[in-house]
Amino acid sequence: MAVKKVWVEDGCTLCGLCETQCPDVFEMGDEKAEVKGGADLEANGDCIVEAAEACPVDVIKYEKD
């Protein structure tokens, strides 16, 4: 199953872990981590799930097909 959607909810602490874990998908914004526009979610599905599971405040959410 591929990741079809990913987002970061409010409460992000800008720790940078998701960007380190999955740099092709996540980047640090001004107030929270953001999903890069045009990121290939299917190709990066494994690291998206790993980043979501590693997030210390559990704000990375995703949907799978």
C-alpha atoms as a PDB file:
ATOM      1  CA  MET A   1       0.000   0.000   0.000  1.00  0.00           C
ATOM      2  CA  ALA A   2       1.317   3.394  -0.972  1.00  0.00           C
ATOM      3  CA  VAL A   3       1.052   6.629   0.979  1.00  0.00           C
ATOM      4  CA  LYS A   4      -1.389   8.858  -0.906  1.00  0.00           C
ATOM      5  CA  LYS A   5      -1.566  11.854   1.447  1.00  0.00           C
ATOM      6  CA  VAL A   6       0.617  13.259   4.235  1.00  0.00           C
ATOM      7  CA  TRP A   7       0.263  16.346   6.417  1.00  0.00           C
ATOM      8  CA  VAL A   8       1.577  17.910   9.617  1.00  0.00           C
ATOM      9  CA  GLU A   9      -0.958  18.969  12.227  1.00  0.00           C
ATOM     10  CA  ASP A  10      -0.633  21.858  14.672  1.00  0.00           C
ATOM     11  CA  GLY A  11       1.637  21.214  17.618  1.00  0.00           C
ATOM     12  CA  CYS A  12       4.853  20.606  15.683  1.00  0.00           C
ATOM     13  CA  THR A  13       7.896  21.616  17.735  1.00  0.00           C
ATOM     14  CA  LEU A  14      10.221  22.103  14.725  1.00  0.00           C
ATOM     15  CA  CYS A  15      12.612  19.461  16.071  1.00  0.00           C
ATOM     16  CA  GLY A  16      13.715  18.587  12.515  1.00  0.00           C
ATOM     17  CA  LEU A  17      13.489  14.838  12.975  1.00  0.00           C
ATOM     18  CA  CYS A  18      11.089  14.346  10.051  1.00  0.00           C
ATOM     19  CA  GLU A  19      13.327  16.372   7.733  1.00  0.00           C
ATOM     20  CA  THR A  20      16.315  14.277   8.786  1.00  0.00           C
ATOM     21  CA  GLN A  21      14.344  11.030   8.415  1.00  0.00           C
ATOM     22  CA  CYS A  22      12.715  11.885   5.082  1.00  0.00           C
ATOM     23  CA  PRO A  23      14.321  14.955   3.464  1.00  0.00           C
ATOM     24  CA  ASP A  24      12.642  14.454   0.082  1.00  0.00           C
ATOM     25  CA  VAL A  25       9.227  14.981   1.696  1.00  0.00           C
ATOM     26  CA  PHE A  26       9.595  17.235   4.753  1.00  0.00           C
ATOM     27  CA  GLU A  27      11.123  20.671   5.294  1.00  0.00           C
ATOM     28  CA  MET A  28      11.051  23.120   8.165  1.00  0.00           C
ATOM     29  CA  GLY A  29       8.589  25.967   7.781  1.00  0.00           C
ATOM     30  CA  ASP A  30       8.252  29.068   9.928  1.00  0.00           C
ATOM     31  CA  GLU A  31       5.779  27.567  12.402  1.00  0.00           C
ATOM     32  CA  LYS A  32       5.897  23.829  11.755  1.00  0.00           C
ATOM     33  CA  ALA A  33       7.325  21.192   9.459  1.00  0.00           C
ATOM     34  CA  GLU A  34       5.794  21.176   5.997  1.00  0.00           C
ATOM     35  CA  VAL A  35       5.353  18.682   3.203  1.00  0.00           C
ATOM     36  CA  LYS A  36       7.318  19.747   0.132  1.00  0.00           C
ATOM     37  CA  GLY A  37       5.184  20.566  -2.879  1.00  0.00           C
ATOM     38  CA  GLY A  38       5.463  17.889  -5.529  1.00  0.00           C
ATOM     39  CA  ALA A  39       7.045  15.355  -3.162  1.00  0.00           C
ATOM     40  CA  ASP A  40       6.834  11.789  -4.468  1.00  0.00           C
ATOM     41  CA  LEU A  41       4.801  10.223  -1.679  1.00  0.00           C
ATOM     42  CA  GLU A  42       4.688   6.782  -3.257  1.00  0.00           C
ATOM     43  CA  ALA A  43       8.471   6.534  -3.638  1.00  0.00           C
ATOM     44  CA  ASN A  44       9.011   7.818  -0.092  1.00  0.00           C
ATOM     45  CA  GLY A  45       6.259   5.897   1.668  1.00  0.00           C
ATOM     46  CA  ASP A  46       8.565   3.957   3.955  1.00  0.00           C
ATOM     47  CA  CYS A  47      10.387   7.018   5.263  1.00  0.00           C
ATOM     48  CA  ILE A  48       7.080   8.918   5.691  1.00  0.00           C
ATOM     49  CA  VAL A  49       5.784   6.149   7.948  1.00  0.00           C
ATOM     50  CA  GLU A  50       9.107   6.043   9.823  1.00  0.00           C
ATOM     51  CA  ALA A  51       9.049   9.826  10.308  1.00  0.00           C
ATOM     52  CA  ALA A  52       5.440   9.709  11.556  1.00  0.00           C
ATOM     53  CA  GLU A  53       6.258   6.928  14.013  1.00  0.00           C
ATOM     54  CA  ALA A  54       9.368   8.766  15.241  1.00  0.00           C
ATOM     55  CA  CYS A  55       7.670  12.162  15.655  1.00  0.00           C
ATOM     56  CA  PRO A  56       7.933  13.048  19.359  1.00  0.00           C
ATOM     57  CA  VAL A  57       4.631  14.966  19.355  1.00  0.00           C
ATOM     58  CA  ASP A  58       2.718  12.659  16.963  1.00  0.00           C
ATOM     59  CA  VAL A  59       1.624  15.366  14.517  1.00  0.00           C
ATOM     60  CA  ILE A  60       2.644  13.724  11.224  1.00  0.00           C
ATOM     61  CA  LYS A  61      -0.405  12.041   9.735  1.00  0.00           C
ATOM     62  CA  TYR A  62      -0.789  10.080   6.522  1.00  0.00           C
ATOM     63  CA  GLU A  63      -3.294   8.056   4.513  1.00  0.00           C
ATOM     64  CA  LYS A  64      -2.539   4.934   2.542  1.00  0.00           C
ATOM     65  CA  ASP A  65      -4.310   3.558  -0.526  1.00  0.00           C
END
